[in-house]
Amino acid sequence: MPQAIVDPEELARFSHNLKQFNMQLRQSMGQLNGQFNALGQTWRDQEHQKFAQEYQQTVKQIERFLQISEQHIPFLQKKAQRARDYIDQR
């Protein structure tokens, strides 16, 4: 007999929180990128170049996380709804 192995409300809450987190992260990253670019006007030694490379790699990883997690949000929302529907049938 099939059964729901997820709490639909918990899944919906996580999906909502993930969406909020992504929006906040994008906003914070935009602000931080602006500050980082401004910093490059006054910090120009080799350490800056090294840090800039690491920073840019990290930003790419964060962007990848954002893209993947944003693609999963609709899936999580649908899964929560399907679990609710299943539980309501029982």
PDB file of N, CA and C in Angstrom:
ATOM      1  N   MET A   1       0.839  -1.179   0.000  1.00  0.00           N
ATOM      2  CA  MET A   1       0.000   0.000   0.000  1.00  0.00           C
ATOM      3  C   MET A   1       0.888   1.246   0.000  1.00  0.00           C
ATOM      4  N   PRO A   2       0.689   2.170  -0.935  1.00  0.00           N
ATOM      5  CA  PRO A   2       1.515   3.376  -0.974  1.00  0.00           C
ATOM      6  C   PRO A   2       1.277   4.237   0.261  1.00  0.00           C
ATOM      7  N   GLN A   3       2.335   4.959   0.646  1.00  0.00           N
ATOM      8  CA  GLN A   3       2.193   5.853   1.783  1.00  0.00           C
ATOM      9  C   GLN A   3       3.030   7.109   1.570  1.00  0.00           C
ATOM     10  N   ALA A   4       2.608   8.179   2.191  1.00  0.00           N
ATOM     11  CA  ALA A   4       3.366   9.425   2.134  1.00  0.00           C
ATOM     12  C   ALA A   4       4.486   9.329   3.166  1.00  0.00           C
ATOM     13  N   ILE A   5       5.716   9.527   2.724  1.00  0.00           N
ATOM     14  CA  ILE A   5       6.861   9.432   3.619  1.00  0.00           C
ATOM     15  C   ILE A   5       7.468  10.821   3.791  1.00  0.00           C
ATOM     16  N   VAL A   6       6.628  11.815   3.793  1.00  0.00           N
ATOM     17  CA  VAL A   6       7.085  13.190   3.970  1.00  0.00           C
ATOM     18  C   VAL A   6       5.968  13.968   4.655  1.00  0.00           C
ATOM     19  N   ASP A   7       6.358  14.888   5.490  1.00  0.00           N
ATOM     20  CA  ASP A   7       5.383  15.790   6.096  1.00  0.00           C
ATOM     21  C   ASP A   7       5.169  16.926   5.099  1.00  0.00           C
ATOM     22  N   PRO A   8       3.996  17.004   4.470  1.00  0.00           N
ATOM     23  CA  PRO A   8       3.790  18.003   3.422  1.00  0.00           C
ATOM     24  C   PRO A   8       3.958  19.435   3.923  1.00  0.00           C
ATOM     25  N   GLU A   9       3.565  19.696   5.153  1.00  0.00           N
ATOM     26  CA  GLU A   9       3.701  21.058   5.680  1.00  0.00           C
ATOM     27  C   GLU A   9       5.168  21.414   5.903  1.00  0.00           C
ATOM     28  N   GLU A  10       5.930  20.453   6.376  1.00  0.00           N
ATOM     29  CA  GLU A  10       7.363  20.684   6.583  1.00  0.00           C
ATOM     30  C   GLU A  10       8.061  20.903   5.241  1.00  0.00           C
ATOM     31  N   LEU A  11       7.683  20.132   4.244  1.00  0.00           N
ATOM     32  CA  LEU A  11       8.264  20.277   2.912  1.00  0.00           C
ATOM     33  C   LEU A  11       7.890  21.623   2.298  1.00  0.00           C
ATOM     34  N   ALA A  12       6.642  22.026   2.446  1.00  0.00           N
ATOM     35  CA  ALA A  12       6.201  23.326   1.928  1.00  0.00           C
ATOM     36  C   ALA A  12       6.926  24.461   2.647  1.00  0.00           C
ATOM     37  N   ARG A  13       7.104  24.317   3.949  1.00  0.00           N
ATOM     38  CA  ARG A  13       7.804  25.345   4.728  1.00  0.00           C
ATOM     39  C   ARG A  13       9.259  25.459   4.273  1.00  0.00           C
ATOM     40  N   PHE A  14       9.903  24.300   4.072  1.00  0.00           N
ATOM     41  CA  PHE A  14      11.288  24.311   3.593  1.00  0.00           C
ATOM     42  C   PHE A  14      11.383  24.973   2.222  1.00  0.00           C
ATOM     43  N   SER A  15      10.468  24.626   1.336  1.00  0.00           N
ATOM     44  CA  SER A  15      10.449  25.204  -0.006  1.00  0.00           C
ATOM     45  C   SER A  15      10.317  26.725   0.067  1.00  0.00           C
ATOM     46  N   HIS A  16       9.413  27.189   0.910  1.00  0.00           N
ATOM     47  CA  HIS A  16       9.212  28.633   1.088  1.00  0.00           C
ATOM     48  C   HIS A  16      10.480  29.288   1.647  1.00  0.00           C
ATOM     49  N   ASN A  17      11.072  28.662   2.666  1.00  0.00           N
ATOM     50  CA  ASN A  17      12.280  29.222   3.273  1.00  0.00           C
ATOM     51  C   ASN A  17      13.450  29.227   2.300  1.00  0.00           C
ATOM     52  N   LEU A  18      13.543  28.203   1.470  1.00  0.00           N
ATOM     53  CA  LEU A  18      14.596  28.153   0.462  1.00  0.00           C
ATOM     54  C   LEU A  18      14.426  29.289  -0.542  1.00  0.00           C
ATOM     55  N   LYS A  19      13.200  29.538  -0.950  1.00  0.00           N
ATOM     56  CA  LYS A  19      12.931  30.631  -1.885  1.00  0.00           C
ATOM     57  C   LYS A  19      13.316  31.975  -1.264  1.00  0.00           C
ATOM     58  N   GLN A  20      12.944  32.183  -0.003  1.00  0.00           N
ATOM     59  CA  GLN A  20      13.293  33.424   0.701  1.00  0.00           C
ATOM     60  C   GLN A  20      14.808  33.552   0.836  1.00  0.00           C
ATOM     61  N   PHE A  21      15.460  32.463   1.210  1.00  0.00           N
ATOM     62  CA  PHE A  21      16.912  32.461   1.365  1.00  0.00           C
ATOM     63  C   PHE A  21      17.590  32.843   0.052  1.00  0.00           C
ATOM     64  N   ASN A  22      17.137  32.253  -1.045  1.00  0.00           N
ATOM     65  CA  ASN A  22      17.726  32.551  -2.349  1.00  0.00           C
ATOM     66  C   ASN A  22      17.569  34.020  -2.707  1.00  0.00           C
ATOM     67  N   MET A  23      16.398  34.582  -2.430  1.00  0.00           N
ATOM     68  CA  MET A  23      16.186  36.007  -2.727  1.00  0.00           C
ATOM     69  C   MET A  23      17.119  36.876  -1.884  1.00  0.00           C
ATOM     70  N   GLN A  24      17.248  36.551  -0.607  1.00  0.00           N
ATOM     71  CA  GLN A  24      18.133  37.318   0.271  1.00  0.00           C
ATOM     72  C   GLN A  24      19.590  37.160  -0.147  1.00  0.00           C
ATOM     73  N   LEU A  25      19.957  35.945  -0.521  1.00  0.00           N
ATOM     74  CA  LEU A  25      21.328  35.693  -0.947  1.00  0.00           C
ATOM     75  C   LEU A  25      21.647  36.469  -2.219  1.00  0.00           C
ATOM     76  N   ARG A  26      20.730  36.477  -3.167  1.00  0.00           N
ATOM     77  CA  ARG A  26      20.954  37.251  -4.401  1.00  0.00           C
ATOM     78  C   ARG A  26      21.122  38.739  -4.092  1.00  0.00           C
ATOM     79  N   GLN A  27      20.292  39.249  -3.209  1.00  0.00           N
ATOM     80  CA  GLN A  27      20.393  40.664  -2.836  1.00  0.00           C
ATOM     81  C   GLN A  27      21.731  40.944  -2.143  1.00  0.00           C
ATOM     82  N   SER A  28      22.099  40.103  -1.208  1.00  0.00           N
ATOM     83  CA  SER A  28      23.365  40.283  -0.491  1.00  0.00           C
ATOM     84  C   SER A  28      24.558  40.148  -1.428  1.00  0.00           C
ATOM     85  N   MET A  29      24.485  39.195  -2.346  1.00  0.00           N
ATOM     86  CA  MET A  29      25.583  39.024  -3.299  1.00  0.00           C
ATOM     87  C   MET A  29      25.715  40.244  -4.204  1.00  0.00           C
ATOM     88  N   GLY A  30      24.599  40.827  -4.591  1.00  0.00           N
ATOM     89  CA  GLY A  30      24.653  42.042  -5.401  1.00  0.00           C
ATOM     90  C   GLY A  30      25.351  43.171  -4.662  1.00  0.00           C
ATOM     91  N   GLN A  31      25.013  43.336  -3.399  1.00  0.00           N
ATOM     92  CA  GLN A  31      25.647  44.377  -2.588  1.00  0.00           C
ATOM     93  C   GLN A  31      27.132  44.091  -2.398  1.00  0.00           C
ATOM     94  N   LEU A  32      27.445  42.843  -2.081  1.00  0.00           N
ATOM     95  CA  LEU A  32      28.836  42.470  -1.851  1.00  0.00           C
ATOM     96  C   LEU A  32      29.668  42.613  -3.122  1.00  0.00           C
ATOM     97  N   ASN A  33      29.107  42.247  -4.260  1.00  0.00           N
ATOM     98  CA  ASN A  33      29.829  42.403  -5.529  1.00  0.00           C
ATOM     99  C   ASN A  33      30.131  43.868  -5.804  1.00  0.00           C
ATOM    100  N   GLY A  34      29.176  44.741  -5.503  1.00  0.00           N
ATOM    101  CA  GLY A  34      29.417  46.173  -5.673  1.00  0.00           C
ATOM    102  C   GLY A  34      30.552  46.653  -4.790  1.00  0.00           C
ATOM    103  N   GLN A  35      30.565  46.208  -3.554  1.00  0.00           N
ATOM    104  CA  GLN A  35      31.641  46.587  -2.634  1.00  0.00           C
ATOM    105  C   GLN A  35      32.976  46.003  -3.078  1.00  0.00           C
ATOM    106  N   PHE A  36      32.940  44.767  -3.557  1.00  0.00           N
ATOM    107  CA  PHE A  36      34.172  44.129  -4.022  1.00  0.00           C
ATOM    108  C   PHE A  36      34.746  44.884  -5.216  1.00  0.00           C
ATOM    109  N   ASN A  37      33.893  45.268  -6.143  1.00  0.00           N
ATOM    110  CA  ASN A  37      34.361  46.024  -7.307  1.00  0.00           C
ATOM    111  C   ASN A  37      34.947  47.364  -6.896  1.00  0.00           C
ATOM    112  N   ALA A  38      34.323  48.029  -5.935  1.00  0.00           N
ATOM    113  CA  ALA A  38      34.846  49.310  -5.449  1.00  0.00           C
ATOM    114  C   ALA A  38      36.187  49.101  -4.749  1.00  0.00           C
ATOM    115  N   LEU A  39      36.321  48.012  -4.021  1.00  0.00           N
ATOM    116  CA  LEU A  39      37.566  47.710  -3.327  1.00  0.00           C
ATOM    117  C   LEU A  39      38.716  47.555  -4.313  1.00  0.00           C
ATOM    118  N   GLY A  40      38.420  47.025  -5.487  1.00  0.00           N
ATOM    119  CA  GLY A  40      39.443  46.846  -6.509  1.00  0.00           C
ATOM    120  C   GLY A  40      40.054  48.154  -6.987  1.00  0.00           C
ATOM    121  N   GLN A  41      39.389  49.263  -6.719  1.00  0.00           N
ATOM    122  CA  GLN A  41      39.936  50.569  -7.104  1.00  0.00           C
ATOM    123  C   GLN A  41      41.079  50.995  -6.184  1.00  0.00           C
ATOM    124  N   THR A  42      41.085  50.483  -4.957  1.00  0.00           N
ATOM    125  CA  THR A  42      42.110  50.904  -3.997  1.00  0.00           C
ATOM    126  C   THR A  42      43.049  49.772  -3.590  1.00  0.00           C
ATOM    127  N   TRP A  43      42.657  48.537  -3.808  1.00  0.00           N
ATOM    128  CA  TRP A  43      43.493  47.393  -3.426  1.00  0.00           C
ATOM    129  C   TRP A  43      43.961  46.730  -4.707  1.00  0.00           C
ATOM    130  N   ARG A  44      45.254  46.886  -5.015  1.00  0.00           N
ATOM    131  CA  ARG A  44      45.727  46.448  -6.329  1.00  0.00           C
ATOM    132  C   ARG A  44      46.970  45.565  -6.296  1.00  0.00           C
ATOM    133  N   ASP A  45      47.315  44.989  -5.174  1.00  0.00           N
ATOM    134  CA  ASP A  45      48.522  44.163  -5.125  1.00  0.00           C
ATOM    135  C   ASP A  45      48.221  42.703  -5.489  1.00  0.00           C
ATOM    136  N   GLN A  46      49.251  41.857  -5.360  1.00  0.00           N
ATOM    137  CA  GLN A  46      49.093  40.446  -5.729  1.00  0.00           C
ATOM    138  C   GLN A  46      48.084  39.735  -4.839  1.00  0.00           C
ATOM    139  N   GLU A  47      48.018  40.124  -3.588  1.00  0.00           N
ATOM    140  CA  GLU A  47      47.050  39.503  -2.685  1.00  0.00           C
ATOM    141  C   GLU A  47      45.622  39.772  -3.158  1.00  0.00           C
ATOM    142  N   HIS A  48      45.409  40.947  -3.712  1.00  0.00           N
ATOM    143  CA  HIS A  48      44.080  41.255  -4.246  1.00  0.00           C
ATOM    144  C   HIS A  48      43.773  40.350  -5.424  1.00  0.00           C
ATOM    145  N   GLN A  49      44.744  40.174  -6.290  1.00  0.00           N
ATOM    146  CA  GLN A  49      44.534  39.310  -7.453  1.00  0.00           C
ATOM    147  C   GLN A  49      44.211  37.884  -7.019  1.00  0.00           C
ATOM    148  N   LYS A  50      44.957  37.395  -6.024  1.00  0.00           N
ATOM    149  CA  LYS A  50      44.718  36.044  -5.514  1.00  0.00           C
ATOM    150  C   LYS A  50      43.321  35.952  -4.903  1.00  0.00           C
ATOM    151  N   PHE A  51      42.988  36.931  -4.070  1.00  0.00           N
ATOM    152  CA  PHE A  51      41.674  36.927  -3.437  1.00  0.00           C
ATOM    153  C   PHE A  51      40.570  37.058  -4.480  1.00  0.00           C
ATOM    154  N   ALA A  52      40.790  37.898  -5.490  1.00  0.00           N
ATOM    155  CA  ALA A  52      39.783  38.112  -6.533  1.00  0.00           C
ATOM    156  C   ALA A  52      39.475  36.805  -7.262  1.00  0.00           C
ATOM    157  N   GLN A  53      40.500  36.017  -7.550  1.00  0.00           N
ATOM    158  CA  GLN A  53      40.273  34.733  -8.216  1.00  0.00           C
ATOM    159  C   GLN A  53      39.448  33.799  -7.335  1.00  0.00           C
ATOM    160  N   GLU A  54      39.804  33.724  -6.069  1.00  0.00           N
ATOM    161  CA  GLU A  54      39.061  32.862  -5.150  1.00  0.00           C
ATOM    162  C   GLU A  54      37.630  33.364  -4.965  1.00  0.00           C
ATOM    163  N   TYR A  55      37.493  34.669  -4.873  1.00  0.00           N
ATOM    164  CA  TYR A  55      36.169  35.273  -4.708  1.00  0.00           C
ATOM    165  C   TYR A  55      35.288  34.944  -5.913  1.00  0.00           C
ATOM    166  N   GLN A  56      35.830  35.117  -7.110  1.00  0.00           N
ATOM    167  CA  GLN A  56      35.055  34.859  -8.321  1.00  0.00           C
ATOM    168  C   GLN A  56      34.677  33.384  -8.448  1.00  0.00           C
ATOM    169  N   GLN A  57      35.569  32.492  -8.049  1.00  0.00           N
ATOM    170  CA  GLN A  57      35.240  31.061  -8.070  1.00  0.00           C
ATOM    171  C   GLN A  57      34.117  30.749  -7.084  1.00  0.00           C
ATOM    172  N   THR A  58      34.195  31.372  -5.917  1.00  0.00           N
ATOM    173  CA  THR A  58      33.158  31.154  -4.906  1.00  0.00           C
ATOM    174  C   THR A  58      31.820  31.697  -5.382  1.00  0.00           C
ATOM    175  N   VAL A  59      31.831  32.857  -6.000  1.00  0.00           N
ATOM    176  CA  VAL A  59      30.596  33.445  -6.530  1.00  0.00           C
ATOM    177  C   VAL A  59      29.980  32.511  -7.570  1.00  0.00           C
ATOM    178  N   LYS A  60      30.797  31.913  -8.409  1.00  0.00           N
ATOM    179  CA  LYS A  60      30.283  30.962  -9.406  1.00  0.00           C
ATOM    180  C   LYS A  60      29.624  29.761  -8.732  1.00  0.00           C
ATOM    181  N   GLN A  61      30.224  29.277  -7.657  1.00  0.00           N
ATOM    182  CA  GLN A  61      29.646  28.140  -6.938  1.00  0.00           C
ATOM    183  C   GLN A  61      28.324  28.528  -6.290  1.00  0.00           C
ATOM    184  N   ILE A  62      28.279  29.722  -5.742  1.00  0.00           N
ATOM    185  CA  ILE A  62      27.030  30.201  -5.138  1.00  0.00           C
ATOM    186  C   ILE A  62      25.957  30.344  -6.212  1.00  0.00           C
ATOM    187  N   GLU A  63      26.321  30.885  -7.362  1.00  0.00           N
ATOM    188  CA  GLU A  63      25.370  31.018  -8.474  1.00  0.00           C
ATOM    189  C   GLU A  63      24.847  29.650  -8.903  1.00  0.00           C
ATOM    190  N   ARG A  64      25.733  28.673  -8.942  1.00  0.00           N
ATOM    191  CA  ARG A  64      25.315  27.316  -9.316  1.00  0.00           C
ATOM    192  C   ARG A  64      24.315  26.772  -8.294  1.00  0.00           C
ATOM    193  N   PHE A  65      24.606  26.971  -7.018  1.00  0.00           N
ATOM    194  CA  PHE A  65      23.672  26.540  -5.985  1.00  0.00           C
ATOM    195  C   PHE A  65      22.323  27.224  -6.165  1.00  0.00           C
ATOM    196  N   LEU A  66      22.343  28.528  -6.410  1.00  0.00           N
ATOM    197  CA  LEU A  66      21.093  29.269  -6.584  1.00  0.00           C
ATOM    198  C   LEU A  66      20.295  28.726  -7.762  1.00  0.00           C
ATOM    199  N   GLN A  67      20.958  28.481  -8.874  1.00  0.00           N
ATOM    200  CA  GLN A  67      20.258  27.969 -10.050  1.00  0.00           C
ATOM    201  C   GLN A  67      19.638  26.601  -9.775  1.00  0.00           C
ATOM    202  N   ILE A  68      20.415  25.722  -9.175  1.00  0.00           N
ATOM    203  CA  ILE A  68      19.916  24.368  -8.903  1.00  0.00           C
ATOM    204  C   ILE A  68      18.779  24.406  -7.897  1.00  0.00           C
ATOM    205  N   SER A  69      18.965  25.157  -6.827  1.00  0.00           N
ATOM    206  CA  SER A  69      17.920  25.181  -5.798  1.00  0.00           C
ATOM    207  C   SER A  69      16.654  25.851  -6.315  1.00  0.00           C
ATOM    208  N   GLU A  70      16.789  26.870  -7.155  1.00  0.00           N
ATOM    209  CA  GLU A  70      15.600  27.520  -7.714  1.00  0.00           C
ATOM    210  C   GLU A  70      14.843  26.582  -8.655  1.00  0.00           C
ATOM    211  N   GLN A  71      15.553  25.691  -9.313  1.00  0.00           N
ATOM    212  CA  GLN A  71      14.884  24.701 -10.156  1.00  0.00           C
ATOM    213  C   GLN A  71      14.144  23.669  -9.311  1.00  0.00           C
ATOM    214  N   HIS A  72      14.615  23.415  -8.108  1.00  0.00           N
ATOM    215  CA  HIS A  72      13.991  22.417  -7.236  1.00  0.00           C
ATOM    216  C   HIS A  72      12.776  22.951  -6.482  1.00  0.00           C
ATOM    217  N   ILE A  73      12.673  24.247  -6.326  1.00  0.00           N
ATOM    218  CA  ILE A  73      11.565  24.809  -5.541  1.00  0.00           C
ATOM    219  C   ILE A  73      10.206  24.385  -6.090  1.00  0.00           C
ATOM    220  N   PRO A  74       9.925  24.525  -7.386  1.00  0.00           N
ATOM    221  CA  PRO A  74       8.618  24.071  -7.896  1.00  0.00           C
ATOM    222  C   PRO A  74       8.396  22.572  -7.677  1.00  0.00           C
ATOM    223  N   PHE A  75       9.443  21.775  -7.822  1.00  0.00           N
ATOM    224  CA  PHE A  75       9.330  20.337  -7.578  1.00  0.00           C
ATOM    225  C   PHE A  75       8.929  20.068  -6.127  1.00  0.00           C
ATOM    226  N   LEU A  76       9.585  20.763  -5.198  1.00  0.00           N
ATOM    227  CA  LEU A  76       9.269  20.577  -3.777  1.00  0.00           C
ATOM    228  C   LEU A  76       7.839  20.998  -3.469  1.00  0.00           C
ATOM    229  N   GLN A  77       7.407  22.102  -4.090  1.00  0.00           N
ATOM    230  CA  GLN A  77       6.041  22.580  -3.864  1.00  0.00           C
ATOM    231  C   GLN A  77       5.021  21.569  -4.390  1.00  0.00           C
ATOM    232  N   LYS A  78       5.276  21.024  -5.581  1.00  0.00           N
ATOM    233  CA  LYS A  78       4.361  20.025  -6.147  1.00  0.00           C
ATOM    234  C   LYS A  78       4.348  18.754  -5.307  1.00  0.00           C
ATOM    235  N   LYS A  79       5.517  18.354  -4.842  1.00  0.00           N
ATOM    236  CA  LYS A  79       5.602  17.151  -4.011  1.00  0.00           C
ATOM    237  C   LYS A  79       4.819  17.351  -2.711  1.00  0.00           C
ATOM    238  N   ALA A  80       4.920  18.519  -2.126  1.00  0.00           N
ATOM    239  CA  ALA A  80       4.167  18.811  -0.900  1.00  0.00           C
ATOM    240  C   ALA A  80       2.669  18.754  -1.174  1.00  0.00           C
ATOM    241  N   GLN A  81       2.246  19.302  -2.304  1.00  0.00           N
ATOM    242  CA  GLN A  81       0.822  19.287  -2.639  1.00  0.00           C
ATOM    243  C   GLN A  81       0.333  17.865  -2.891  1.00  0.00           C
ATOM    244  N   ARG A  82       1.132  17.074  -3.605  1.00  0.00           N
ATOM    245  CA  ARG A  82       0.748  15.677  -3.852  1.00  0.00           C
ATOM    246  C   ARG A  82       0.644  14.902  -2.542  1.00  0.00           C
ATOM    247  N   ALA A  83       1.562  15.164  -1.619  1.00  0.00           N
ATOM    248  CA  ALA A  83       1.511  14.480  -0.317  1.00  0.00           C
ATOM    249  C   ALA A  83       0.267  14.908   0.459  1.00  0.00           C
ATOM    250  N   ARG A  84      -0.071  16.205   0.406  1.00  0.00           N
ATOM    251  CA  ARG A  84      -1.302  16.689   1.055  1.00  0.00           C
ATOM    252  C   ARG A  84      -2.521  15.989   0.464  1.00  0.00           C
ATOM    253  N   ASP A  85      -2.572  15.946  -0.868  1.00  0.00           N
ATOM    254  CA  ASP A  85      -3.705  15.311  -1.551  1.00  0.00           C
ATOM    255  C   ASP A  85      -3.819  13.842  -1.154  1.00  0.00           C
ATOM    256  N   TYR A  86      -2.694  13.160  -1.086  1.00  0.00           N
ATOM    257  CA  TYR A  86      -2.702  11.745  -0.727  1.00  0.00           C
ATOM    258  C   TYR A  86      -3.214  11.561   0.704  1.00  0.00           C
ATOM    259  N   ILE A  87      -2.710  12.370   1.616  1.00  0.00           N
ATOM    260  CA  ILE A  87      -3.127  12.265   3.018  1.00  0.00           C
ATOM    261  C   ILE A  87      -4.611  12.580   3.161  1.00  0.00           C
ATOM    262  N   ASP A  88      -5.093  13.560   2.407  1.00  0.00           N
ATOM    263  CA  ASP A  88      -6.512  13.931   2.467  1.00  0.00           C
ATOM    264  C   ASP A  88      -7.421  12.813   1.954  1.00  0.00           C
ATOM    265  N   GLN A  89      -6.929  11.979   1.051  1.00  0.00           N
ATOM    266  CA  GLN A  89      -7.718  10.865   0.504  1.00  0.00           C
ATOM    267  C   GLN A  89      -7.922   9.759   1.526  1.00  0.00           C
ATOM    268  N   ARG A  90      -7.023   9.644   2.433  1.00  0.00           N
ATOM    269  CA  ARG A  90      -7.041   8.517   3.381  1.00  0.00           C
ATOM    270  C   ARG A  90      -8.065   8.675   4.419  1.00  0.00           C
TER     271      ARG A  90
END
